[in-house]
C-alpha atoms as a PDB file:
ATOM      1  CA  MET A   1      42.372 -12.407  -4.347  1.00  0.00           C
ATOM      2  CA  ALA A   2      43.588 -12.189  -7.775  1.00  0.00           C
ATOM      3  CA  LEU A   3      40.734 -10.463 -10.087  1.00  0.00           C
ATOM      4  CA  ASN A   4      40.894 -13.049 -12.903  1.00  0.00           C
ATOM      5  CA  ARG A   5      39.306 -15.582 -10.226  1.00  0.00           C
ATOM      6  CA  LEU A   6      36.727 -13.251  -9.563  1.00  0.00           C
ATOM      7  CA  ASP A   7      33.606 -13.077 -11.570  1.00  0.00           C
ATOM      8  CA  LEU A   8      32.718  -9.582 -12.242  1.00  0.00           C
ATOM      9  CA  ASN A   9      28.920 -10.243 -12.479  1.00  0.00           C
ATOM     10  CA  LEU A  10      29.549 -11.142  -8.768  1.00  0.00           C
ATOM     11  CA  LEU A  11      30.048  -7.414  -8.035  1.00  0.00           C
ATOM     12  CA  HIS A  12      26.899  -6.346  -9.208  1.00  0.00           C
ATOM     13  CA  VAL A  13      25.398  -8.968  -6.980  1.00  0.00           C
ATOM     14  CA  PHE A  14      27.387  -7.276  -3.881  1.00  0.00           C
ATOM     15  CA  ASP A  15      26.499  -3.831  -4.665  1.00  0.00           C
ATOM     16  CA  THR A  16      22.898  -4.823  -4.993  1.00  0.00           C
ATOM     17  CA  ILE A  17      22.849  -6.707  -1.691  1.00  0.00           C
ATOM     18  CA  TYR A  18      24.312  -4.010  -0.139  1.00  0.00           C
ATOM     19  CA  ARG A  19      21.735  -1.177  -1.574  1.00  0.00           C
ATOM     20  CA  GLU A  20      18.950  -3.260  -0.925  1.00  0.00           C
ATOM     21  CA  GLY A  21      19.814  -4.929   2.453  1.00  0.00           C
ATOM     22  CA  SER A  22      18.088  -8.051   1.789  1.00  0.00           C
ATOM     23  CA  LEU A  23      18.622 -11.322  -0.298  1.00  0.00           C
ATOM     24  CA  THR A  24      14.866 -11.093  -1.259  1.00  0.00           C
ATOM     25  CA  ARG A  25      14.720  -7.649  -2.497  1.00  0.00           C
ATOM     26  CA  ALA A  26      18.289  -8.225  -4.179  1.00  0.00           C
ATOM     27  CA  ALA A  27      16.942 -11.179  -6.322  1.00  0.00           C
ATOM     28  CA  ARG A  28      13.783  -9.219  -7.124  1.00  0.00           C
ATOM     29  CA  SER A  29      16.048  -5.988  -8.409  1.00  0.00           C
ATOM     30  CA  LEU A  30      18.361  -8.203 -10.285  1.00  0.00           C
ATOM     31  CA  HIS A  31      15.401 -10.231 -11.590  1.00  0.00           C
ATOM     32  CA  LEU A  32      17.326 -13.538 -10.435  1.00  0.00           C
ATOM     33  CA  THR A  33      15.794 -16.273  -8.304  1.00  0.00           C
ATOM     34  CA  GLN A  34      16.891 -16.118  -4.453  1.00  0.00           C
ATOM     35  CA  PRO A  35      18.897 -19.170  -4.413  1.00  0.00           C
ATOM     36  CA  ALA A  36      20.897 -17.718  -7.371  1.00  0.00           C
ATOM     37  CA  VAL A  37      21.722 -14.553  -5.107  1.00  0.00           C
ATOM     38  CA  SER A  38      22.731 -16.722  -2.187  1.00  0.00           C
ATOM     39  CA  HIS A  39      24.938 -18.867  -4.416  1.00  0.00           C
ATOM     40  CA  SER A  40      26.665 -15.684  -5.504  1.00  0.00           C
ATOM     41  CA  LEU A  41      26.939 -14.469  -1.855  1.00  0.00           C
ATOM     42  CA  SER A  42      28.666 -17.790  -1.077  1.00  0.00           C
ATOM     43  CA  ARG A  43      31.038 -17.436  -3.658  1.00  0.00           C
ATOM     44  CA  LEU A  44      31.898 -14.102  -2.361  1.00  0.00           C
ATOM     45  CA  ARG A  45      32.494 -15.295   0.639  1.00  0.00           C
ATOM     46  CA  ASP A  46      34.598 -17.799  -0.219  1.00  0.00           C
ATOM     47  CA  HIS A  47      36.668 -15.393  -2.158  1.00  0.00           C
ATOM     48  CA  PHE A  48      37.013 -12.798   0.732  1.00  0.00           C
ATOM     49  CA  ASP A  49      36.954 -15.692   3.662  1.00  0.00           C
ATOM     50  CA  ASP A  50      34.696 -13.051   5.289  1.00  0.00           C
ATOM     51  CA  PRO A  51      30.698 -13.406   5.930  1.00  0.00           C
ATOM     52  CA  LEU A  52      30.359 -10.266   4.085  1.00  0.00           C
ATOM     53  CA  PHE A  53      26.980  -9.772   5.621  1.00  0.00           C
ATOM     54  CA  THR A  54      25.046 -10.892   8.636  1.00  0.00           C
ATOM     55  CA  ARG A  55      21.594 -11.070   9.188  1.00  0.00           C
ATOM     56  CA  GLN A  56      19.760  -8.505  11.702  1.00  0.00           C
ATOM     57  CA  GLY A  57      16.418  -9.101  11.859  1.00  0.00           C
ATOM     58  CA  ASN A  58      15.242  -8.665   8.405  1.00  0.00           C
ATOM     59  CA  GLN A  59      18.163  -6.755   7.289  1.00  0.00           C
ATOM     60  CA  MET A  60      21.471  -7.952   5.824  1.00  0.00           C
ATOM     61  CA  VAL A  61      24.153  -5.902   7.227  1.00  0.00           C
ATOM     62  CA  PRO A  62      27.474  -5.337   5.921  1.00  0.00           C
ATOM     63  CA  THR A  63      30.809  -6.421   7.711  1.00  0.00           C
ATOM     64  CA  PRO A  64      33.592  -3.941   8.046  1.00  0.00           C
ATOM     65  CA  LEU A  65      35.430  -5.754   5.289  1.00  0.00           C
ATOM     66  CA  ALA A  66      32.218  -5.280   3.007  1.00  0.00           C
ATOM     67  CA  ARG A  67      31.870  -1.601   4.031  1.00  0.00           C
ATOM     68  CA  ARG A  68      35.600  -1.021   3.192  1.00  0.00           C
ATOM     69  CA  PHE A  69      35.514  -2.988  -0.356  1.00  0.00           C
ATOM     70  CA  LEU A  70      32.538  -0.965  -1.112  1.00  0.00           C
ATOM     71  CA  GLU A  71      34.069   2.226  -0.956  1.00  0.00           C
ATOM     72  CA  SER A  72      36.921   1.217  -3.189  1.00  0.00           C
ATOM     73  CA  MET A  73      35.085  -0.930  -5.758  1.00  0.00           C
ATOM     74  CA  ARG A  74      31.973   1.452  -6.187  1.00  0.00           C
ATOM     75  CA  PRO A  75      33.507   4.087  -8.025  1.00  0.00           C
ATOM     76  CA  GLY A  76      35.138   1.534 -10.775  1.00  0.00           C
ATOM     77  CA  LEU A  77      31.841  -0.382 -10.743  1.00  0.00           C
ATOM     78  CA  THR A  78      29.956   3.002 -11.474  1.00  0.00           C
ATOM     79  CA  GLN A  79      32.159   3.796 -14.318  1.00  0.00           C
ATOM     80  CA  ILE A  80      31.629   0.316 -15.946  1.00  0.00           C
ATOM     81  CA  GLN A  81      28.128   0.861 -15.625  1.00  0.00           C
ATOM     82  CA  GLY A  82      27.888   4.302 -17.074  1.00  0.00           C
ATOM     83  CA  ALA A  83      30.169   3.148 -19.765  1.00  0.00           C
ATOM     84  CA  VAL A  84      27.625   0.422 -20.645  1.00  0.00           C
ATOM     85  CA  ASN A  85      24.667   2.608 -20.001  1.00  0.00           C
ATOM     86  CA  GLN A  86      25.971   5.275 -22.751  1.00  0.00           C
ATOM     87  CA  PHE A  87      24.812   2.524 -25.061  1.00  0.00           C
ATOM     88  CA  HIS A  88      21.687   1.750 -23.943  1.00  0.00           C
ATOM     89  CA  ALA A  89      18.659   3.601 -23.893  1.00  0.00           C
ATOM     90  CA  PHE A  90      15.894   3.416 -21.150  1.00  0.00           C
ATOM     91  CA  ASP A  91      12.405   2.342 -22.387  1.00  0.00           C
ATOM     92  CA  PRO A  92      10.114   2.900 -19.300  1.00  0.00           C
ATOM     93  CA  ALA A  93       7.194   1.170 -21.298  1.00  0.00           C
ATOM     94  CA  THR A  94       8.675  -2.321 -21.244  1.00  0.00           C
ATOM     95  CA  GLN A  95      11.623  -2.303 -18.696  1.00  0.00           C
ATOM     96  CA  ARG A  96      11.342  -3.199 -14.964  1.00  0.00           C
ATOM     97  CA  LYS A  97      12.690  -0.523 -12.538  1.00  0.00           C
ATOM     98  CA  THR A  98      12.220   0.197  -8.924  1.00  0.00           C
ATOM     99  CA  TYR A  99      12.939   3.843  -8.126  1.00  0.00           C
ATOM    100  CA  SER A 100      13.421   4.863  -4.439  1.00  0.00           C
ATOM    101  CA  LEU A 101      12.552   8.258  -3.530  1.00  0.00           C
ATOM    102  CA  GLY A 102      13.116  10.261  -0.387  1.00  0.00           C
ATOM    103  CA  LEU A 103      10.114  12.254   0.596  1.00  0.00           C
ATOM    104  CA  ARG A 104       9.014  14.051   3.985  1.00  0.00           C
ATOM    105  CA  ASP A 105       5.415  13.590   4.990  1.00  0.00           C
ATOM    106  CA  ILE A 106       3.972  16.748   3.475  1.00  0.00           C
ATOM    107  CA  LEU A 107       6.035  16.212   0.056  1.00  0.00           C
ATOM    108  CA  GLU A 108       4.503  12.766  -0.140  1.00  0.00           C
ATOM    109  CA  SER A 109       1.033  14.221  -0.125  1.00  0.00           C
ATOM    110  CA  THR A 110       1.901  16.851  -3.104  1.00  0.00           C
ATOM    111  CA  PHE A 111       4.212  15.108  -4.946  1.00  0.00           C
ATOM    112  CA  LEU A 112       2.995  11.407  -5.140  1.00  0.00           C
ATOM    113  CA  PRO A 113      -0.375  11.545  -6.609  1.00  0.00           C
ATOM    114  CA  ARG A 114       0.724  13.665  -9.651  1.00  0.00           C
ATOM    115  CA  LEU A 115       3.727  11.409  -9.812  1.00  0.00           C
ATOM    116  CA  MET A 116       1.843   8.176  -9.835  1.00  0.00           C
ATOM    117  CA  ALA A 117      -0.883   9.635 -12.272  1.00  0.00           C
ATOM    118  CA  ARG A 118       1.966  10.557 -14.894  1.00  0.00           C
ATOM    119  CA  LEU A 119       3.327   6.907 -14.350  1.00  0.00           C
ATOM    120  CA  ASP A 120       0.072   5.216 -14.960  1.00  0.00           C
ATOM    121  CA  ALA A 121       1.191   4.135 -18.626  1.00  0.00           C
ATOM    122  CA  TYR A 122       4.514   2.590 -17.428  1.00  0.00           C
ATOM    123  CA  PRO A 123       2.984  -0.423 -15.204  1.00  0.00           C
ATOM    124  CA  GLU A 124       6.524  -1.958 -15.153  1.00  0.00           C
ATOM    125  CA  LEU A 125       7.784   0.894 -12.942  1.00  0.00           C
ATOM    126  CA  GLU A 126       7.646   0.834  -8.888  1.00  0.00           C
ATOM    127  CA  ILE A 127       8.030   3.799  -6.578  1.00  0.00           C
ATOM    128  CA  VAL A 128       9.331   3.101  -3.335  1.00  0.00           C
ATOM    129  CA  SER A 129       9.055   6.274  -0.950  1.00  0.00           C
ATOM    130  CA  GLN A 130      10.688   6.678   2.349  1.00  0.00           C
ATOM    131  CA  ARG A 131      11.470   8.990   4.833  1.00  0.00           C
ATOM    132  CA  ILE A 132      15.367   9.725   5.400  1.00  0.00           C
ATOM    133  CA  ALA A 133      17.085  11.549   7.897  1.00  0.00           C
ATOM    134  CA  ARG A 134      18.675  14.884   6.500  1.00  0.00           C
ATOM    135  CA  ARG A 135      21.811  14.226   8.155  1.00  0.00           C
ATOM    136  CA  ASP A 136      21.609  10.411   6.346  1.00  0.00           C
ATOM    137  CA  MET A 137      20.671  12.001   2.928  1.00  0.00           C
ATOM    138  CA  GLU A 138      24.088  12.135   1.045  1.00  0.00           C
ATOM    139  CA  THR A 139      25.059   8.969   2.217  1.00  0.00           C
ATOM    140  CA  GLN A 140      22.156   7.214   1.182  1.00  0.00           C
ATOM    141  CA  LEU A 141      22.419   8.795  -2.411  1.00  0.00           C
ATOM    142  CA  ALA A 142      26.157   7.912  -2.472  1.00  0.00           C
ATOM    143  CA  ALA A 143      25.243   4.289  -1.619  1.00  0.00           C
ATOM    144  CA  GLY A 144      22.627   3.889  -4.166  1.00  0.00           C
ATOM    145  CA  LYS A 145      20.015   3.029  -1.583  1.00  0.00           C
ATOM    146  CA  LEU A 146      18.153   6.365  -2.802  1.00  0.00           C
ATOM    147  CA  ASP A 147      17.933   7.399  -6.356  1.00  0.00           C
ATOM    148  CA  PHE A 148      16.283  10.562  -5.475  1.00  0.00           C
ATOM    149  CA  ALA A 149      15.462  12.702  -2.523  1.00  0.00           C
ATOM    150  CA  VAL A 150      13.346  16.072  -2.433  1.00  0.00           C
ATOM    151  CA  ASP A 151      13.603  18.730   0.171  1.00  0.00           C
ATOM    152  CA  VAL A 152      14.126  21.973   1.147  1.00  0.00           C
ATOM    153  CA  LEU A 153      17.243  23.792   0.293  1.00  0.00           C
ATOM    154  CA  LEU A 154      19.910  21.944   2.379  1.00  0.00           C
ATOM    155  CA  PRO A 155      24.072  22.305   2.658  1.00  0.00           C
ATOM    156  CA  VAL A 156      25.580  19.505   0.820  1.00  0.00           C
ATOM    157  CA  SER A 157      28.660  18.217  -0.704  1.00  0.00           C
ATOM    158  CA  ASN A 158      29.913  18.906  -4.431  1.00  0.00           C
ATOM    159  CA  GLN A 159      29.326  15.016  -5.145  1.00  0.00           C
ATOM    160  CA  THR A 160      25.571  16.037  -4.753  1.00  0.00           C
ATOM    161  CA  SER A 161      23.613  17.606  -7.575  1.00  0.00           C
ATOM    162  CA  HIS A 162      20.372  19.728  -6.898  1.00  0.00           C
ATOM    163  CA  GLU A 163      18.118  21.644  -8.487  1.00  0.00           C
ATOM    164  CA  LEU A 164      15.015  23.804  -7.814  1.00  0.00           C
ATOM    165  CA  LEU A 165      11.799  22.096  -8.443  1.00  0.00           C
ATOM    166  CA  ARG A 166       9.343  24.757  -6.913  1.00  0.00           C
ATOM    167  CA  ARG A 167       8.611  27.517  -4.808  1.00  0.00           C
ATOM    168  CA  ASP A 168       5.714  27.206  -2.251  1.00  0.00           C
ATOM    169  CA  ARG A 169       4.405  30.476  -0.573  1.00  0.00           C
ATOM    170  CA  LEU A 170       3.328  30.458   2.898  1.00  0.00           C
ATOM    171  CA  VAL A 171      -0.702  31.026   3.887  1.00  0.00           C
ATOM    172  CA  VAL A 172      -2.641  31.008   7.037  1.00  0.00           C
ATOM    173  CA  LEU A 173      -5.343  29.006   7.721  1.00  0.00           C
ATOM    174  CA  ALA A 174      -8.293  29.319  10.220  1.00  0.00           C
ATOM    175  CA  ARG A 175     -11.414  27.321  10.777  1.00  0.00           C
ATOM    176  CA  GLU A 176     -14.527  28.326   9.031  1.00  0.00           C
ATOM    177  CA  GLY A 177     -16.561  30.791  10.961  1.00  0.00           C
ATOM    178  CA  HIS A 178     -13.317  31.880  12.951  1.00  0.00           C
ATOM    179  CA  PRO A 179     -13.535  35.751  13.804  1.00  0.00           C
ATOM    180  CA  LEU A 180     -10.519  36.406  11.777  1.00  0.00           C
ATOM    181  CA  ALA A 181     -11.262  34.311   8.607  1.00  0.00           C
ATOM    182  CA  THR A 182     -11.735  37.223   6.418  1.00  0.00           C
ATOM    183  CA  GLU A 183     -10.861  38.006   2.964  1.00  0.00           C
ATOM    184  CA  SER A 184      -7.448  40.391   4.486  1.00  0.00           C
ATOM    185  CA  LEU A 185      -5.833  38.936   7.585  1.00  0.00           C
ATOM    186  CA  ASP A 186      -3.817  42.312   8.860  1.00  0.00           C
ATOM    187  CA  MET A 187      -1.063  42.063  11.405  1.00  0.00           C
ATOM    188  CA  GLU A 188      -2.871  42.810  14.333  1.00  0.00           C
ATOM    189  CA  GLY A 189      -5.328  40.076  14.049  1.00  0.00           C
ATOM    190  CA  TYR A 190      -2.546  37.801  13.043  1.00  0.00           C
ATOM    191  CA  LEU A 191      -0.813  38.626  16.628  1.00  0.00           C
ATOM    192  CA  SER A 192      -3.907  38.674  18.665  1.00  0.00           C
ATOM    193  CA  ALA A 193      -4.326  34.988  17.872  1.00  0.00           C
ATOM    194  CA  LYS A 194      -2.943  32.008  19.048  1.00  0.00           C
ATOM    195  CA  HIS A 195      -0.673  29.820  16.730  1.00  0.00           C
ATOM    196  CA  VAL A 196       0.115  26.133  15.757  1.00  0.00           C
ATOM    197  CA  LEU A 197       3.910  25.459  14.933  1.00  0.00           C
ATOM    198  CA  VAL A 198       4.792  22.574  12.864  1.00  0.00           C
ATOM    199  CA  SER A 199       8.304  21.603  13.347  1.00  0.00           C
ATOM    200  CA  SER A 200      10.149  18.417  14.027  1.00  0.00           C
ATOM    201  CA  ARG A 201      12.359  20.174  16.578  1.00  0.00           C
ATOM    202  CA  THR A 202      11.113  20.657  20.283  1.00  0.00           C
ATOM    203  CA  GLU A 203      12.017  24.327  20.596  1.00  0.00           C
ATOM    204  CA  GLY A 204      13.044  27.224  18.140  1.00  0.00           C
ATOM    205  CA  PRO A 205      11.181  29.565  15.797  1.00  0.00           C
ATOM    206  CA  GLY A 206       9.585  28.648  12.191  1.00  0.00           C
ATOM    207  CA  ILE A 207      10.630  29.934   8.848  1.00  0.00           C
ATOM    208  CA  GLU A 208       7.853  32.556   9.305  1.00  0.00           C
ATOM    209  CA  ASP A 209       9.046  33.420  12.812  1.00  0.00           C
ATOM    210  CA  PHE A 210      12.286  34.944  11.443  1.00  0.00           C
ATOM    211  CA  GLU A 211      10.367  37.505   8.913  1.00  0.00           C
ATOM    212  CA  LEU A 212       8.377  38.177  12.084  1.00  0.00           C
ATOM    213  CA  SER A 213      11.206  38.884  14.214  1.00  0.00           C
ATOM    214  CA  ARG A 214      12.617  41.089  11.620  1.00  0.00           C
ATOM    215  CA  LEU A 215       9.603  43.366  11.557  1.00  0.00           C
ATOM    216  CA  GLY A 216       9.763  43.773  15.551  1.00  0.00           C
ATOM    217  CA  VAL A 217       6.902  41.470  16.380  1.00  0.00           C
ATOM    218  CA  GLN A 218       6.452  37.976  17.696  1.00  0.00           C
ATOM    219  CA  ARG A 219       3.331  35.576  17.684  1.00  0.00           C
ATOM    220  CA  SER A 220       2.226  33.349  20.329  1.00  0.00           C
ATOM    221  CA  ILE A 221       2.715  29.384  20.048  1.00  0.00           C
ATOM    222  CA  ARG A 222       0.129  27.593  21.891  1.00  0.00           C
ATOM    223  CA  LEU A 223       0.956  24.195  20.249  1.00  0.00           C
ATOM    224  CA  ARG A 224       4.070  22.934  18.481  1.00  0.00           C
ATOM    225  CA  CYS A 225       3.268  19.750  16.775  1.00  0.00           C
ATOM    226  CA  GLN A 226       5.269  17.394  14.192  1.00  0.00           C
ATOM    227  CA  HIS A 227       2.690  16.861  11.698  1.00  0.00           C
ATOM    228  CA  TYR A 228       0.949  19.443   9.043  1.00  0.00           C
ATOM    229  CA  TYR A 229      -2.495  17.009   9.009  1.00  0.00           C
ATOM    230  CA  ALA A 230      -2.324  16.977  12.698  1.00  0.00           C
ATOM    231  CA  ALA A 231      -2.126  20.516  12.846  1.00  0.00           C
ATOM    232  CA  CYS A 232      -4.796  21.223  10.196  1.00  0.00           C
ATOM    233  CA  ARG A 233      -7.294  19.124  12.302  1.00  0.00           C
ATOM    234  CA  VAL A 234      -6.623  20.942  15.372  1.00  0.00           C
ATOM    235  CA  VAL A 235      -6.959  24.495  13.565  1.00  0.00           C
ATOM    236  CA  GLU A 236     -10.451  22.702  12.425  1.00  0.00           C
ATOM    237  CA  GLU A 237     -11.503  22.206  15.679  1.00  0.00           C
ATOM    238  CA  THR A 238     -10.124  25.227  17.697  1.00  0.00           C
ATOM    239  CA  ASP A 239      -9.345  29.020  17.346  1.00  0.00           C
ATOM    240  CA  LEU A 240      -5.875  28.628  16.685  1.00  0.00           C
ATOM    241  CA  LEU A 241      -4.010  29.907  13.384  1.00  0.00           C
ATOM    242  CA  LEU A 242      -1.329  27.801  11.311  1.00  0.00           C
ATOM    243  CA  THR A 243       0.876  29.155   8.809  1.00  0.00           C
ATOM    244  CA  MET A 244       1.686  26.506   6.111  1.00  0.00           C
ATOM    245  CA  PRO A 245       3.040  25.985   2.810  1.00  0.00           C
ATOM    246  CA  GLU A 246       0.321  26.490   0.222  1.00  0.00           C
ATOM    247  CA  ALA A 247       0.400  23.526  -1.762  1.00  0.00           C
ATOM    248  CA  TYR A 248      -0.495  21.181   1.293  1.00  0.00           C
ATOM    249  CA  ALA A 249      -2.824  23.189   2.428  1.00  0.00           C
ATOM    250  CA  ARG A 250      -4.931  23.460  -0.740  1.00  0.00           C
ATOM    251  CA  ILE A 251      -4.909  19.771  -0.349  1.00  0.00           C
ATOM    252  CA  ILE A 252      -6.079  19.598   2.829  1.00  0.00           C
ATOM    253  CA  ALA A 253      -8.702  22.666   2.570  1.00  0.00           C
ATOM    254  CA  GLU A 254     -10.791  19.990  -0.187  1.00  0.00           C
ATOM    255  CA  ARG A 255     -11.537  17.923   2.716  1.00  0.00           C
ATOM    256  CA  ALA A 256     -11.754  20.286   5.327  1.00  0.00           C
ATOM    257  CA  ASN A 257     -13.909  22.882   6.986  1.00  0.00           C
ATOM    258  CA  ILE A 258     -10.661  25.654   6.541  1.00  0.00           C
ATOM    259  CA  ARG A 259     -10.435  28.707   5.261  1.00  0.00           C
ATOM    260  CA  ILE A 260      -7.094  29.660   3.324  1.00  0.00           C
ATOM    261  CA  MET A 261      -5.729  33.188   3.906  1.00  0.00           C
ATOM    262  CA  ASP A 262      -2.845  35.318   2.842  1.00  0.00           C
ATOM    263  CA  PRO A 263      -0.275  36.156   5.310  1.00  0.00           C
ATOM    264  CA  PRO A 264      -0.452  39.728   6.653  1.00  0.00           C
ATOM    265  CA  ALA A 265       3.272  40.038   5.805  1.00  0.00           C
ATOM    266  CA  ASP A 266       5.550  39.267   2.740  1.00  0.00           C
ATOM    267  CA  LEU A 267       6.907  35.807   4.350  1.00  0.00           C
ATOM    268  CA  PRO A 268       9.815  33.852   2.537  1.00  0.00           C
ATOM    269  CA  SER A 269       8.872  30.750   0.393  1.00  0.00           C
ATOM    270  CA  ILE A 270       9.758  27.645   0.746  1.00  0.00           C
ATOM    271  CA  ASP A 271      12.400  26.688  -1.801  1.00  0.00           C
ATOM    272  CA  VAL A 272      11.829  22.797  -2.789  1.00  0.00           C
ATOM    273  CA  HIS A 273      14.973  21.068  -4.389  1.00  0.00           C
ATOM    274  CA  LEU A 274      15.611  17.617  -5.967  1.00  0.00           C
ATOM    275  CA  TYR A 275      19.007  15.777  -4.925  1.00  0.00           C
ATOM    276  CA  TRP A 276      20.592  13.244  -6.317  1.00  0.00           C
ATOM    277  CA  HIS A 277      24.215  11.998  -6.442  1.00  0.00           C
ATOM    278  CA  LYS A 278      26.650  12.902  -9.265  1.00  0.00           C
ATOM    279  CA  ALA A 279      28.252   9.207  -9.780  1.00  0.00           C
ATOM    280  CA  TYR A 280      24.669   8.355 -10.897  1.00  0.00           C
ATOM    281  CA  GLU A 281      23.442  11.126 -13.079  1.00  0.00           C
ATOM    282  CA  ARG A 282      24.320   9.870 -16.484  1.00  0.00           C
ATOM    283  CA  GLU A 283      22.272   6.879 -15.969  1.00  0.00           C
ATOM    284  CA  PRO A 284      19.349   6.842 -18.443  1.00  0.00           C
ATOM    285  CA  ALA A 285      16.851   5.275 -16.417  1.00  0.00           C
ATOM    286  CA  LEU A 286      17.356   8.132 -13.638  1.00  0.00           C
ATOM    287  CA  ILE A 287      17.529  10.871 -16.560  1.00  0.00           C
ATOM    288  CA  TRP A 288      14.275   9.819 -17.258  1.00  0.00           C
ATOM    289  CA  PHE A 289      12.955   9.967 -13.926  1.00  0.00           C
ATOM    290  CA  ARG A 290      14.374  13.118 -13.149  1.00  0.00           C
ATOM    291  CA  GLU A 291      12.652  14.552 -15.967  1.00  0.00           C
ATOM    292  CA  GLN A 292       9.254  13.364 -14.760  1.00  0.00           C
ATOM    293  CA  LEU A 293       9.637  14.851 -11.324  1.00  0.00           C
ATOM    294  CA  LYS A 294      10.535  18.229 -13.019  1.00  0.00           C
ATOM    295  CA  ALA A 295       7.369  17.821 -15.163  1.00  0.00           C
ATOM    296  CA  ILE A 296       5.106  17.454 -12.046  1.00  0.00           C
ATOM    297  CA  SER A 297       6.746  20.159 -10.100  1.00  0.00           C
END
């Protein structure tokens, strides 16, 4: 397995297949034909005497040897790419690029419309938004399968960079005509109502409940559901109240018969952060895109 017998371009193909999980997507990302990518993979398989990737459904899944090789190879490949990228500026008006962005559903609604409007002048750019489990976020960023993630403040290693994009305050939603839908919602009224709590967990308090507990009060949860859109539909048809981030509430209120009110107490804001892996932070295309995300926040 002497290095002088291995075309270094094949390492880039290997890395792209690993990242994309598909020969078709890898070919598109590399601007090559699928037969050309298949031929490169065949050469790699001969070199390593290992399948490297096996097909499972629509995915090309790496073998144990491929996983071990990637862990050893990627830092060196990243250094080479970084050295080359220092001498090449990124021109979004002429270069094709696919950006992979990790967003949860509520953030898709607040970020994507403004992002796509900002990128309207760059038709060669493609955005792939996907929901990533928080426990997998750093792994996906490190593997290059995800360029950026936008989420609340999370504990991360020193290999993952992040910065605050915006602070989103909490507001209270009620249907129009609700007895409590007034200019000033007091704590007595807030606690007299029943509430919707949006959470992916089946039990436990929401962020607003920690502050209410600190004040020595507790609200009554009638419904726990997974998505704010569903919760807003419920609020529009019932007397339940919903406490949620203001940015998404404003979007919903434009098309729903809902009143937005200030909460009866000073509730903590939702800090929204941008995450990326330090190994790729000097790539011009990613530097440019990071600035676009910051500009729309």
